[in-house]
Structures are given as C-alpha cells and as structure tokens.
Amino acid sequence: MNKQRNHTLNVETLHAKRKNRTNTTLKSHMAEHRAIAEKSNVLNRLTVVDNKGNTVVQTNDKGMKGKKTENAFELGKNIAETLKSKNITKLIFDRNGYRFTGRIKALCDGLREGGITI
C-alpha cells in the first residue's frame, strides 16, 4: 500500500528560502551600505549596515501612532534624514526574505522620498 504524504510547506520554510535566495544575490553588492528591513506583529525595524558588518543606524517605529504601513513610511523618511547627515546617499535594500508589499514597500518608498538612492 502506497501512502501519499502531504508536501505543503509552511510559511517559515518559504520565508527562509526567500531569505537565502536574496542574501546570496546581495553578497555581490557588499561594497555599499545595506538597509535591512525587519517586521513583526508589533513594530517595524530598519538597520543600516556598512560593508564590514558594522551597524551605522538602527531604528524602529515604537511609540508611533497610526497604522503599521503609515508608520513604516514615516520610519523610512526619518532614517533617510539621519543617513543624509552622515553623507550616505546610496543603499542596497535588503527585504530580508519578506515579500515586497505592504510595510516593506512603504519602508522602501519612505527612503526614496527622503532622498536615498536604492
């Protein structure tokens, strides 16, 4: 008797696959600064790392009022001002395995509107 298995993948496995695929692509661009986006059920976080792995800027939207997507957009604009003061105008955007929709896209759009080239 041949039993069939259910080969459905859970969300964590799909996220890990996308994250590995993205990171292998980004390793070729390590000469520039990298903005790493993270999200949870509570807040959004953005970390900017230089080519040696040192954290340049890290911030989150804790304490902001409003919807998560709007907070992500404002977070992108706020960190763009901080990066401009540190003479950083070009970034590689690492979506960290998340799909480029919703809060991740709003975060990237906020960076672009703040004057950062991605």
PDB file of N, CA and C in Angstrom:
ATOM      1  N   MET A   1       0.838  -1.171   0.000  1.00  0.00           N
ATOM      2  CA  MET A   1       0.000   0.000   0.000  1.00  0.00           C
ATOM      3  C   MET A   1       0.888   1.240   0.000  1.00  0.00           C
ATOM      4  N   ASN A   2       0.651   2.117  -0.933  1.00  0.00           N
ATOM      5  CA  ASN A   2       1.477   3.311  -1.098  1.00  0.00           C
ATOM      6  C   ASN A   2       0.782   4.505  -0.435  1.00  0.00           C
ATOM      7  N   LYS A   3       1.410   5.031   0.599  1.00  0.00           N
ATOM      8  CA  LYS A   3       0.829   6.181   1.289  1.00  0.00           C
ATOM      9  C   LYS A   3       1.357   7.469   0.681  1.00  0.00           C
ATOM     10  N   GLN A   4       0.493   8.418   0.492  1.00  0.00           N
ATOM     11  CA  GLN A   4       0.906   9.714  -0.026  1.00  0.00           C
ATOM     12  C   GLN A   4       1.133  10.670   1.126  1.00  0.00           C
ATOM     13  N   ARG A   5       2.178  11.463   0.998  1.00  0.00           N
ATOM     14  CA  ARG A   5       2.477  12.451   2.018  1.00  0.00           C
ATOM     15  C   ARG A   5       1.965  13.812   1.590  1.00  0.00           C
ATOM     16  N   ASN A   6       1.655  14.598   2.568  1.00  0.00           N
ATOM     17  CA  ASN A   6       1.240  15.961   2.294  1.00  0.00           C
ATOM     18  C   ASN A   6       2.500  16.820   2.244  1.00  0.00           C
ATOM     19  N   HIS A   7       2.854  17.341   1.083  1.00  0.00           N
ATOM     20  CA  HIS A   7       4.101  18.078   0.897  1.00  0.00           C
ATOM     21  C   HIS A   7       3.888  19.590   0.902  1.00  0.00           C
ATOM     22  N   THR A   8       3.000  20.064   1.730  1.00  0.00           N
ATOM     23  CA  THR A   8       2.807  21.508   1.812  1.00  0.00           C
ATOM     24  C   THR A   8       3.911  22.116   2.670  1.00  0.00           C
ATOM     25  N   LEU A   9       4.381  23.270   2.266  1.00  0.00           N
ATOM     26  CA  LEU A   9       5.421  23.964   3.005  1.00  0.00           C
ATOM     27  C   LEU A   9       4.787  25.007   3.911  1.00  0.00           C
ATOM     28  N   ASN A  10       5.318  25.124   5.100  1.00  0.00           N
ATOM     29  CA  ASN A  10       4.783  26.145   5.990  1.00  0.00           C
ATOM     30  C   ASN A  10       5.404  27.500   5.678  1.00  0.00           C
ATOM     31  N   VAL A  11       4.883  28.536   6.284  1.00  0.00           N
ATOM     32  CA  VAL A  11       5.285  29.904   5.979  1.00  0.00           C
ATOM     33  C   VAL A  11       6.747  30.141   6.344  1.00  0.00           C
ATOM     34  N   GLU A  12       7.212  29.562   7.445  1.00  0.00           N
ATOM     35  CA  GLU A  12       8.601  29.765   7.873  1.00  0.00           C
ATOM     36  C   GLU A  12       9.583  29.189   6.862  1.00  0.00           C
ATOM     37  N   THR A  13       9.249  28.068   6.276  1.00  0.00           N
ATOM     38  CA  THR A  13      10.131  27.459   5.285  1.00  0.00           C
ATOM     39  C   THR A  13      10.207  28.318   4.029  1.00  0.00           C
ATOM     40  N   LEU A  14       9.079  28.836   3.587  1.00  0.00           N
ATOM     41  CA  LEU A  14       9.084  29.698   2.405  1.00  0.00           C
ATOM     42  C   LEU A  14       9.852  30.982   2.668  1.00  0.00           C
ATOM     43  N   HIS A  15       9.690  31.540   3.869  1.00  0.00           N
ATOM     44  CA  HIS A  15      10.421  32.760   4.240  1.00  0.00           C
ATOM     45  C   HIS A  15      11.923  32.497   4.253  1.00  0.00           C
ATOM     46  N   ALA A  16      12.340  31.364   4.794  1.00  0.00           N
ATOM     47  CA  ALA A  16      13.767  31.028   4.849  1.00  0.00           C
ATOM     48  C   ALA A  16      14.338  30.842   3.446  1.00  0.00           C
ATOM     49  N   LYS A  17      13.578  30.230   2.544  1.00  0.00           N
ATOM     50  CA  LYS A  17      14.046  30.046   1.175  1.00  0.00           C
ATOM     51  C   LYS A  17      14.240  31.390   0.473  1.00  0.00           C
ATOM     52  N   ARG A  18      13.253  32.308   0.638  1.00  0.00           N
ATOM     53  CA  ARG A  18      13.377  33.631   0.024  1.00  0.00           C
ATOM     54  C   ARG A  18      14.541  34.400   0.623  1.00  0.00           C
ATOM     55  N   LYS A  19      14.745  34.268   1.923  1.00  0.00           N
ATOM     56  CA  LYS A  19      15.822  34.989   2.594  1.00  0.00           C
ATOM     57  C   LYS A  19      17.189  34.511   2.085  1.00  0.00           C
ATOM     58  N   ASN A  20      17.375  33.215   1.949  1.00  0.00           N
ATOM     59  CA  ASN A  20      18.639  32.683   1.444  1.00  0.00           C
ATOM     60  C   ASN A  20      18.889  33.094   0.005  1.00  0.00           C
ATOM     61  N   ARG A  21      17.847  33.065  -0.812  1.00  0.00           N
ATOM     62  CA  ARG A  21      17.982  33.453  -2.206  1.00  0.00           C
ATOM     63  C   ARG A  21      18.352  34.931  -2.322  1.00  0.00           C
ATOM     64  N   THR A  22      17.753  35.773  -1.499  1.00  0.00           N
ATOM     65  CA  THR A  22      18.030  37.204  -1.520  1.00  0.00           C
ATOM     66  C   THR A  22      19.441  37.492  -1.038  1.00  0.00           C
ATOM     67  N   ASN A  23      19.852  36.841   0.040  1.00  0.00           N
ATOM     68  CA  ASN A  23      21.169  37.114   0.608  1.00  0.00           C
ATOM     69  C   ASN A  23      22.305  36.691  -0.317  1.00  0.00           C
ATOM     70  N   THR A  24      22.127  35.619  -1.065  1.00  0.00           N
ATOM     71  CA  THR A  24      23.176  35.227  -1.992  1.00  0.00           C
ATOM     72  C   THR A  24      23.328  36.248  -3.112  1.00  0.00           C
ATOM     73  N   THR A  25      22.221  36.876  -3.509  1.00  0.00           N
ATOM     74  CA  THR A  25      22.283  37.916  -4.530  1.00  0.00           C
ATOM     75  C   THR A  25      22.946  39.175  -3.988  1.00  0.00           C
ATOM     76  N   LEU A  26      22.663  39.526  -2.749  1.00  0.00           N
ATOM     77  CA  LEU A  26      23.170  40.767  -2.170  1.00  0.00           C
ATOM     78  C   LEU A  26      24.654  40.705  -1.820  1.00  0.00           C
ATOM     79  N   LYS A  27      25.214  39.516  -1.679  1.00  0.00           N
ATOM     80  CA  LYS A  27      26.621  39.415  -1.319  1.00  0.00           C
ATOM     81  C   LYS A  27      27.541  39.975  -2.395  1.00  0.00           C
ATOM     82  N   SER A  28      27.066  40.053  -3.618  1.00  0.00           N
ATOM     83  CA  SER A  28      27.882  40.621  -4.685  1.00  0.00           C
ATOM     84  C   SER A  28      27.927  42.141  -4.610  1.00  0.00           C
ATOM     85  N   HIS A  29      27.045  42.753  -3.822  1.00  0.00           N
ATOM     86  CA  HIS A  29      26.981  44.211  -3.711  1.00  0.00           C
ATOM     87  C   HIS A  29      27.484  44.699  -2.358  1.00  0.00           C
ATOM     88  N   MET A  30      28.385  44.000  -1.746  1.00  0.00           N
ATOM     89  CA  MET A  30      28.789  44.337  -0.388  1.00  0.00           C
ATOM     90  C   MET A  30      29.726  45.540  -0.307  1.00  0.00           C
ATOM     91  N   ALA A  31      29.994  46.207  -1.419  1.00  0.00           N
ATOM     92  CA  ALA A  31      30.842  47.391  -1.375  1.00  0.00           C
ATOM     93  C   ALA A  31      30.062  48.612  -0.889  1.00  0.00           C
ATOM     94  N   GLU A  32      28.749  48.499  -0.772  1.00  0.00           N
ATOM     95  CA  GLU A  32      27.915  49.627  -0.382  1.00  0.00           C
ATOM     96  C   GLU A  32      27.218  49.334   0.944  1.00  0.00           C
ATOM     97  N   HIS A  33      26.555  50.344   1.465  1.00  0.00           N
ATOM     98  CA  HIS A  33      25.782  50.181   2.686  1.00  0.00           C
ATOM     99  C   HIS A  33      24.511  49.398   2.384  1.00  0.00           C
ATOM    100  N   ARG A  34      24.027  48.672   3.367  1.00  0.00           N
ATOM    101  CA  ARG A  34      22.864  47.817   3.179  1.00  0.00           C
ATOM    102  C   ARG A  34      21.815  48.140   4.229  1.00  0.00           C
ATOM    103  N   ALA A  35      20.578  48.353   3.803  1.00  0.00           N
ATOM    104  CA  ALA A  35      19.457  48.593   4.704  1.00  0.00           C
ATOM    105  C   ALA A  35      18.686  47.293   4.859  1.00  0.00           C
ATOM    106  N   ILE A  36      18.623  46.775   6.082  1.00  0.00           N
ATOM    107  CA  ILE A  36      17.980  45.503   6.354  1.00  0.00           C
ATOM    108  C   ILE A  36      16.637  45.778   7.029  1.00  0.00           C
ATOM    109  N   ALA A  37      15.565  45.365   6.392  1.00  0.00           N
ATOM    110  CA  ALA A  37      14.220  45.594   6.912  1.00  0.00           C
ATOM    111  C   ALA A  37      13.757  44.384   7.713  1.00  0.00           C
ATOM    112  N   GLU A  38      13.110  44.650   8.835  1.00  0.00           N
ATOM    113  CA  GLU A  38      12.522  43.596   9.652  1.00  0.00           C
ATOM    114  C   GLU A  38      11.142  44.051  10.076  1.00  0.00           C
ATOM    115  N   LYS A  39      10.264  43.092  10.275  1.00  0.00           N
ATOM    116  CA  LYS A  39       8.924  43.431  10.739  1.00  0.00           C
ATOM    117  C   LYS A  39       8.438  42.347  11.688  1.00  0.00           C
ATOM    118  N   SER A  40       7.547  42.746  12.574  1.00  0.00           N
ATOM    119  CA  SER A  40       6.895  41.803  13.467  1.00  0.00           C
ATOM    120  C   SER A  40       5.436  42.203  13.574  1.00  0.00           C
ATOM    121  N   ASN A  41       4.699  41.528  14.423  1.00  0.00           N
ATOM    122  CA  ASN A  41       3.296  41.883  14.600  1.00  0.00           C
ATOM    123  C   ASN A  41       3.148  43.226  15.294  1.00  0.00           C
ATOM    124  N   VAL A  42       4.179  43.677  15.988  1.00  0.00           N
ATOM    125  CA  VAL A  42       4.089  44.885  16.796  1.00  0.00           C
ATOM    126  C   VAL A  42       4.736  46.083  16.115  1.00  0.00           C
ATOM    127  N   LEU A  43       5.935  45.910  15.542  1.00  0.00           N
ATOM    128  CA  LEU A  43       6.658  47.064  15.023  1.00  0.00           C
ATOM    129  C   LEU A  43       7.473  46.729  13.788  1.00  0.00           C
ATOM    130  N   ASN A  44       7.987  47.787  13.168  1.00  0.00           N
ATOM    131  CA  ASN A  44       8.885  47.688  12.023  1.00  0.00           C
ATOM    132  C   ASN A  44      10.268  48.118  12.492  1.00  0.00           C
ATOM    133  N   ARG A  45      11.309  47.559  11.891  1.00  0.00           N
ATOM    134  CA  ARG A  45      12.673  47.913  12.266  1.00  0.00           C
ATOM    135  C   ARG A  45      13.519  48.030  10.999  1.00  0.00           C
ATOM    136  N   LEU A  46      14.438  48.988  10.991  1.00  0.00           N
ATOM    137  CA  LEU A  46      15.350  49.159   9.868  1.00  0.00           C
ATOM    138  C   LEU A  46      16.752  49.342  10.413  1.00  0.00           C
ATOM    139  N   THR A  47      17.676  48.541   9.918  1.00  0.00           N
ATOM    140  CA  THR A  47      19.068  48.613  10.330  1.00  0.00           C
ATOM    141  C   THR A  47      19.915  48.877   9.091  1.00  0.00           C
ATOM    142  N   VAL A  48      20.808  49.855   9.172  1.00  0.00           N
ATOM    143  CA  VAL A  48      21.725  50.145   8.077  1.00  0.00           C
ATOM    144  C   VAL A  48      23.110  49.681   8.507  1.00  0.00           C
ATOM    145  N   VAL A  49      23.709  48.820   7.680  1.00  0.00           N
ATOM    146  CA  VAL A  49      24.987  48.196   7.983  1.00  0.00           C
ATOM    147  C   VAL A  49      25.980  48.559   6.888  1.00  0.00           C
ATOM    148  N   ASP A  50      27.236  48.802   7.261  1.00  0.00           N
ATOM    149  CA  ASP A  50      28.253  49.080   6.238  1.00  0.00           C
ATOM    150  C   ASP A  50      28.814  47.767   5.708  1.00  0.00           C
ATOM    151  N   ASN A  51      29.794  47.851   4.805  1.00  0.00           N
ATOM    152  CA  ASN A  51      30.311  46.652   4.146  1.00  0.00           C
ATOM    153  C   ASN A  51      31.104  45.742   5.080  1.00  0.00           C
ATOM    154  N   LYS A  52      31.509  46.225   6.248  1.00  0.00           N
ATOM    155  CA  LYS A  52      32.237  45.398   7.214  1.00  0.00           C
ATOM    156  C   LYS A  52      31.306  44.739   8.219  1.00  0.00           C
ATOM    157  N   GLY A  53      30.018  45.076   8.166  1.00  0.00           N
ATOM    158  CA  GLY A  53      29.055  44.494   9.086  1.00  0.00           C
ATOM    159  C   GLY A  53      28.790  45.339  10.311  1.00  0.00           C
ATOM    160  N   ASN A  54      29.360  46.538  10.365  1.00  0.00           N
ATOM    161  CA  ASN A  54      29.123  47.428  11.498  1.00  0.00           C
ATOM    162  C   ASN A  54      27.808  48.171  11.314  1.00  0.00           C
ATOM    163  N   THR A  55      27.052  48.297  12.388  1.00  0.00           N
ATOM    164  CA  THR A  55      25.774  48.998  12.329  1.00  0.00           C
ATOM    165  C   THR A  55      26.008  50.496  12.295  1.00  0.00           C
ATOM    166  N   VAL A  56      25.468  51.149  11.283  1.00  0.00           N
ATOM    167  CA  VAL A  56      25.578  52.603  11.151  1.00  0.00           C
ATOM    168  C   VAL A  56      24.399  53.269  11.856  1.00  0.00           C
ATOM    169  N   VAL A  57      23.184  52.830  11.540  1.00  0.00           N
ATOM    170  CA  VAL A  57      21.962  53.377  12.130  1.00  0.00           C
ATOM    171  C   VAL A  57      20.992  52.226  12.333  1.00  0.00           C
ATOM    172  N   GLN A  58      20.280  52.263  13.460  1.00  0.00           N
ATOM    173  CA  GLN A  58      19.215  51.296  13.692  1.00  0.00           C
ATOM    174  C   GLN A  58      18.060  52.011  14.365  1.00  0.00           C
ATOM    175  N   THR A  59      16.855  51.794  13.861  1.00  0.00           N
ATOM    176  CA  THR A  59      15.692  52.459  14.431  1.00  0.00           C
ATOM    177  C   THR A  59      14.451  51.596  14.227  1.00  0.00           C
ATOM    178  N   ASN A  60      13.419  51.898  15.022  1.00  0.00           N
ATOM    179  CA  ASN A  60      12.140  51.220  14.858  1.00  0.00           C
ATOM    180  C   ASN A  60      11.016  52.221  15.069  1.00  0.00           C
ATOM    181  N   ASP A  61       9.792  51.775  14.864  1.00  0.00           N
ATOM    182  CA  ASP A  61       8.658  52.685  14.957  1.00  0.00           C
ATOM    183  C   ASP A  61       7.912  52.544  16.280  1.00  0.00           C
ATOM    184  N   LYS A  62       8.604  52.153  17.316  1.00  0.00           N
ATOM    185  CA  LYS A  62       7.982  52.006  18.625  1.00  0.00           C
ATOM    186  C   LYS A  62       7.525  53.372  19.131  1.00  0.00           C
ATOM    187  N   GLY A  63       6.300  53.449  19.578  1.00  0.00           N
ATOM    188  CA  GLY A  63       5.760  54.703  20.080  1.00  0.00           C
ATOM    189  C   GLY A  63       5.059  55.556  19.041  1.00  0.00           C
ATOM    190  N   MET A  64       5.127  55.192  17.777  1.00  0.00           N
ATOM    191  CA  MET A  64       4.431  55.940  16.739  1.00  0.00           C
ATOM    192  C   MET A  64       2.959  55.553  16.738  1.00  0.00           C
ATOM    193  N   LYS A  65       2.105  56.527  16.516  1.00  0.00           N
ATOM    194  CA  LYS A  65       0.664  56.280  16.452  1.00  0.00           C
ATOM    195  C   LYS A  65       0.259  56.166  14.990  1.00  0.00           C
ATOM    196  N   GLY A  66      -0.680  55.308  14.697  1.00  0.00           N
ATOM    197  CA  GLY A  66      -1.169  55.150  13.339  1.00  0.00           C
ATOM    198  C   GLY A  66      -1.080  53.715  12.879  1.00  0.00           C
ATOM    199  N   LYS A  67      -1.351  53.516  11.608  1.00  0.00           N
ATOM    200  CA  LYS A  67      -1.304  52.176  11.032  1.00  0.00           C
ATOM    201  C   LYS A  67       0.144  51.762  10.798  1.00  0.00           C
ATOM    202  N   LYS A  68       0.375  50.458  10.739  1.00  0.00           N
ATOM    203  CA  LYS A  68       1.739  49.940  10.595  1.00  0.00           C
ATOM    204  C   LYS A  68       2.375  50.356   9.273  1.00  0.00           C
ATOM    205  N   THR A  69       1.594  50.377   8.199  1.00  0.00           N
ATOM    206  CA  THR A  69       2.137  50.754   6.896  1.00  0.00           C
ATOM    207  C   THR A  69       2.507  52.234   6.868  1.00  0.00           C
ATOM    208  N   GLU A  70       1.680  53.073   7.459  1.00  0.00           N
ATOM    209  CA  GLU A  70       1.992  54.502   7.524  1.00  0.00           C
ATOM    210  C   GLU A  70       3.216  54.746   8.404  1.00  0.00           C
ATOM    211  N   ASN A  71       3.319  54.004   9.498  1.00  0.00           N
ATOM    212  CA  ASN A  71       4.490  54.131  10.368  1.00  0.00           C
ATOM    213  C   ASN A  71       5.766  53.706   9.651  1.00  0.00           C
ATOM    214  N   ALA A  72       5.669  52.671   8.811  1.00  0.00           N
ATOM    215  CA  ALA A  72       6.833  52.213   8.058  1.00  0.00           C
ATOM    216  C   ALA A  72       7.296  53.293   7.087  1.00  0.00           C
ATOM    217  N   PHE A  73       6.353  53.967   6.444  1.00  0.00           N
ATOM    218  CA  PHE A  73       6.697  55.039   5.509  1.00  0.00           C
ATOM    219  C   PHE A  73       7.403  56.181   6.242  1.00  0.00           C
ATOM    220  N   GLU A  74       6.854  56.589   7.384  1.00  0.00           N
ATOM    221  CA  GLU A  74       7.470  57.661   8.178  1.00  0.00           C
ATOM    222  C   GLU A  74       8.838  57.239   8.713  1.00  0.00           C
ATOM    223  N   LEU A  75       8.972  55.979   9.075  1.00  0.00           N
ATOM    224  CA  LEU A  75      10.265  55.469   9.543  1.00  0.00           C
ATOM    225  C   LEU A  75      11.315  55.583   8.449  1.00  0.00           C
ATOM    226  N   GLY A  76      10.929  55.260   7.208  1.00  0.00           N
ATOM    227  CA  GLY A  76      11.846  55.392   6.080  1.00  0.00           C
ATOM    228  C   GLY A  76      12.273  56.831   5.855  1.00  0.00           C
ATOM    229  N   LYS A  77      11.325  57.758   5.953  1.00  0.00           N
ATOM    230  CA  LYS A  77      11.663  59.170   5.771  1.00  0.00           C
ATOM    231  C   LYS A  77      12.572  59.682   6.888  1.00  0.00           C
ATOM    232  N   ASN A  78      12.297  59.263   8.126  1.00  0.00           N
ATOM    233  CA  ASN A  78      13.117  59.702   9.255  1.00  0.00           C
ATOM    234  C   ASN A  78      14.548  59.181   9.168  1.00  0.00           C
ATOM    235  N   ILE A  79      14.703  57.941   8.791  1.00  0.00           N
ATOM    236  CA  ILE A  79      16.053  57.389   8.715  1.00  0.00           C
ATOM    237  C   ILE A  79      16.801  57.943   7.511  1.00  0.00           C
ATOM    238  N   ALA A  80      16.073  58.363   6.477  1.00  0.00           N
ATOM    239  CA  ALA A  80      16.722  58.994   5.315  1.00  0.00           C
ATOM    240  C   ALA A  80      17.379  60.308   5.722  1.00  0.00           C
ATOM    241  N   GLU A  81      16.725  61.066   6.591  1.00  0.00           N
ATOM    242  CA  GLU A  81      17.324  62.309   7.084  1.00  0.00           C
ATOM    243  C   GLU A  81      18.587  62.035   7.896  1.00  0.00           C
ATOM    244  N   THR A  82      18.542  61.008   8.721  1.00  0.00           N
ATOM    245  CA  THR A  82      19.717  60.639   9.513  1.00  0.00           C
ATOM    246  C   THR A  82      20.870  60.202   8.623  1.00  0.00           C
ATOM    247  N   LEU A  83      20.554  59.436   7.573  1.00  0.00           N
ATOM    248  CA  LEU A  83      21.600  58.965   6.659  1.00  0.00           C
ATOM    249  C   LEU A  83      22.198  60.114   5.864  1.00  0.00           C
ATOM    250  N   LYS A  84      21.379  61.078   5.478  1.00  0.00           N
ATOM    251  CA  LYS A  84      21.904  62.240   4.752  1.00  0.00           C
ATOM    252  C   LYS A  84      22.878  63.029   5.614  1.00  0.00           C
ATOM    253  N   SER A  85      22.590  63.121   6.922  1.00  0.00           N
ATOM    254  CA  SER A  85      23.513  63.834   7.802  1.00  0.00           C
ATOM    255  C   SER A  85      24.842  63.100   7.954  1.00  0.00           C
ATOM    256  N   LYS A  86      24.846  61.794   7.678  1.00  0.00           N
ATOM    257  CA  LYS A  86      26.079  61.008   7.722  1.00  0.00           C
ATOM    258  C   LYS A  86      26.690  60.829   6.335  1.00  0.00           C
ATOM    259  N   ASN A  87      26.216  61.588   5.347  1.00  0.00           N
ATOM    260  CA  ASN A  87      26.709  61.581   3.963  1.00  0.00           C
ATOM    261  C   ASN A  87      26.550  60.221   3.288  1.00  0.00           C
ATOM    262  N   ILE A  88      25.480  59.531   3.588  1.00  0.00           N
ATOM    263  CA  ILE A  88      25.157  58.275   2.920  1.00  0.00           C
ATOM    264  C   ILE A  88      23.938  58.536   2.049  1.00  0.00           C
ATOM    265  N   THR A  89      24.108  58.392   0.737  1.00  0.00           N
ATOM    266  CA  THR A  89      23.011  58.681  -0.183  1.00  0.00           C
ATOM    267  C   THR A  89      22.594  57.471  -1.009  1.00  0.00           C
ATOM    268  N   LYS A  90      23.343  56.374  -0.931  1.00  0.00           N
ATOM    269  CA  LYS A  90      23.032  55.205  -1.736  1.00  0.00           C
ATOM    270  C   LYS A  90      23.019  53.973  -0.845  1.00  0.00           C
ATOM    271  N   LEU A  91      21.970  53.158  -0.988  1.00  0.00           N
ATOM    272  CA  LEU A  91      21.813  51.957  -0.183  1.00  0.00           C
ATOM    273  C   LEU A  91      21.429  50.773  -1.054  1.00  0.00           C
ATOM    274  N   ILE A  92      21.731  49.587  -0.553  1.00  0.00           N
ATOM    275  CA  ILE A  92      21.184  48.351  -1.086  1.00  0.00           C
ATOM    276  C   ILE A  92      20.076  47.950  -0.125  1.00  0.00           C
ATOM    277  N   PHE A  93      18.855  47.772  -0.620  1.00  0.00           N
ATOM    278  CA  PHE A  93      17.717  47.459   0.243  1.00  0.00           C
ATOM    279  C   PHE A  93      17.570  45.953   0.359  1.00  0.00           C
ATOM    280  N   ASP A  94      17.754  45.429   1.560  1.00  0.00           N
ATOM    281  CA  ASP A  94      17.611  44.006   1.846  1.00  0.00           C
ATOM    282  C   ASP A  94      16.246  43.798   2.485  1.00  0.00           C
ATOM    283  N   ARG A  95      15.341  43.169   1.770  1.00  0.00           N
ATOM    284  CA  ARG A  95      14.000  42.978   2.298  1.00  0.00           C
ATOM    285  C   ARG A  95      13.942  41.803   3.260  1.00  0.00           C
ATOM    286  N   ASN A  96      15.055  41.129   3.461  1.00  0.00           N
ATOM    287  CA  ASN A  96      15.223  40.104   4.494  1.00  0.00           C
ATOM    288  C   ASN A  96      14.257  38.931   4.296  1.00  0.00           C
ATOM    289  N   GLY A  97      13.976  38.596   3.057  1.00  0.00           N
ATOM    290  CA  GLY A  97      13.126  37.453   2.764  1.00  0.00           C
ATOM    291  C   GLY A  97      11.647  37.753   2.740  1.00  0.00           C
ATOM    292  N   TYR A  98      11.243  38.955   3.122  1.00  0.00           N
ATOM    293  CA  TYR A  98       9.833  39.320   3.081  1.00  0.00           C
ATOM    294  C   TYR A  98       9.445  39.706   1.660  1.00  0.00           C
ATOM    295  N   ARG A  99       8.185  39.529   1.329  1.00  0.00           N
ATOM    296  CA  ARG A  99       7.700  39.947   0.024  1.00  0.00           C
ATOM    297  C   ARG A  99       7.687  41.468  -0.052  1.00  0.00           C
ATOM    298  N   PHE A 100       7.873  42.003  -1.244  1.00  0.00           N
ATOM    299  CA  PHE A 100       7.967  43.451  -1.432  1.00  0.00           C
ATOM    300  C   PHE A 100       6.574  44.047  -1.582  1.00  0.00           C
ATOM    301  N   THR A 101       5.782  43.927  -0.545  1.00  0.00           N
ATOM    302  CA  THR A 101       4.456  44.519  -0.499  1.00  0.00           C
ATOM    303  C   THR A 101       4.214  45.080   0.888  1.00  0.00           C
ATOM    304  N   GLY A 102       3.210  45.909   1.033  1.00  0.00           N
ATOM    305  CA  GLY A 102       2.787  46.389   2.335  1.00  0.00           C
ATOM    306  C   GLY A 102       3.832  47.213   3.051  1.00  0.00           C
ATOM    307  N   ARG A 103       4.174  46.794   4.268  1.00  0.00           N
ATOM    308  CA  ARG A 103       5.088  47.563   5.107  1.00  0.00           C
ATOM    309  C   ARG A 103       6.500  47.627   4.537  1.00  0.00           C
ATOM    310  N   ILE A 104       6.956  46.563   3.898  1.00  0.00           N
ATOM    311  CA  ILE A 104       8.308  46.550   3.336  1.00  0.00           C
ATOM    312  C   ILE A 104       8.390  47.548   2.183  1.00  0.00           C
ATOM    313  N   LYS A 105       7.376  47.575   1.334  1.00  0.00           N
ATOM    314  CA  LYS A 105       7.363  48.526   0.226  1.00  0.00           C
ATOM    315  C   LYS A 105       7.242  49.956   0.736  1.00  0.00           C
ATOM    316  N   ALA A 106       6.422  50.176   1.766  1.00  0.00           N
ATOM    317  CA  ALA A 106       6.263  51.509   2.337  1.00  0.00           C
ATOM    318  C   ALA A 106       7.571  51.999   2.946  1.00  0.00           C
ATOM    319  N   LEU A 107       8.304  51.106   3.581  1.00  0.00           N
ATOM    320  CA  LEU A 107       9.606  51.466   4.153  1.00  0.00           C
ATOM    321  C   LEU A 107      10.580  51.897   3.065  1.00  0.00           C
ATOM    322  N   CYS A 108      10.604  51.163   1.967  1.00  0.00           N
ATOM    323  CA  CYS A 108      11.473  51.499   0.844  1.00  0.00           C
ATOM    324  C   CYS A 108      11.036  52.801   0.181  1.00  0.00           C
ATOM    325  N   ASP A 109       9.745  53.005   0.034  1.00  0.00           N
ATOM    326  CA  ASP A 109       9.239  54.243  -0.558  1.00  0.00           C
ATOM    327  C   ASP A 109       9.569  55.453   0.315  1.00  0.00           C
ATOM    328  N   GLY A 110       9.518  55.278   1.626  1.00  0.00           N
ATOM    329  CA  GLY A 110       9.897  56.358   2.534  1.00  0.00           C
ATOM    330  C   GLY A 110      11.364  56.730   2.400  1.00  0.00           C
ATOM    331  N   LEU A 111      12.218  55.734   2.216  1.00  0.00           N
ATOM    332  CA  LEU A 111      13.637  56.004   1.993  1.00  0.00           C
ATOM    333  C   LEU A 111      13.847  56.769   0.697  1.00  0.00           C
ATOM    334  N   ARG A 112      13.136  56.343  -0.358  1.00  0.00           N
ATOM    335  CA  ARG A 112      13.276  57.010  -1.649  1.00  0.00           C
ATOM    336  C   ARG A 112      12.779  58.445  -1.595  1.00  0.00           C
ATOM    337  N   GLU A 113      11.656  58.661  -0.914  1.00  0.00           N
ATOM    338  CA  GLU A 113      11.129  60.015  -0.822  1.00  0.00           C
ATOM    339  C   GLU A 113      12.030  60.900   0.031  1.00  0.00           C
ATOM    340  N   GLY A 114      12.753  60.300   0.952  1.00  0.00           N
ATOM    341  CA  GLY A 114      13.698  61.056   1.774  1.00  0.00           C
ATOM    342  C   GLY A 114      14.982  61.406   1.042  1.00  0.00           C
ATOM    343  N   GLY A 115      15.155  60.919  -0.193  1.00  0.00           N
ATOM    344  CA  GLY A 115      16.307  61.299  -0.988  1.00  0.00           C
ATOM    345  C   GLY A 115      17.406  60.260  -1.060  1.00  0.00           C
ATOM    346  N   ILE A 116      17.139  59.048  -0.634  1.00  0.00           N
ATOM    347  CA  ILE A 116      18.138  57.989  -0.693  1.00  0.00           C
ATOM    348  C   ILE A 116      17.945  57.194  -1.980  1.00  0.00           C
ATOM    349  N   THR A 117      19.037  56.913  -2.670  1.00  0.00           N
ATOM    350  CA  THR A 117      19.001  56.127  -3.900  1.00  0.00           C
ATOM    351  C   THR A 117      19.109  54.655  -3.540  1.00  0.00           C
ATOM    352  N   ILE A 118      18.156  53.880  -4.050  1.00  0.00           N
ATOM    353  CA  ILE A 118      18.156  52.441  -3.768  1.00  0.00           C
ATOM    354  C   ILE A 118      18.310  51.691  -5.067  1.00  0.00           C
TER     355      ILE A 118
END
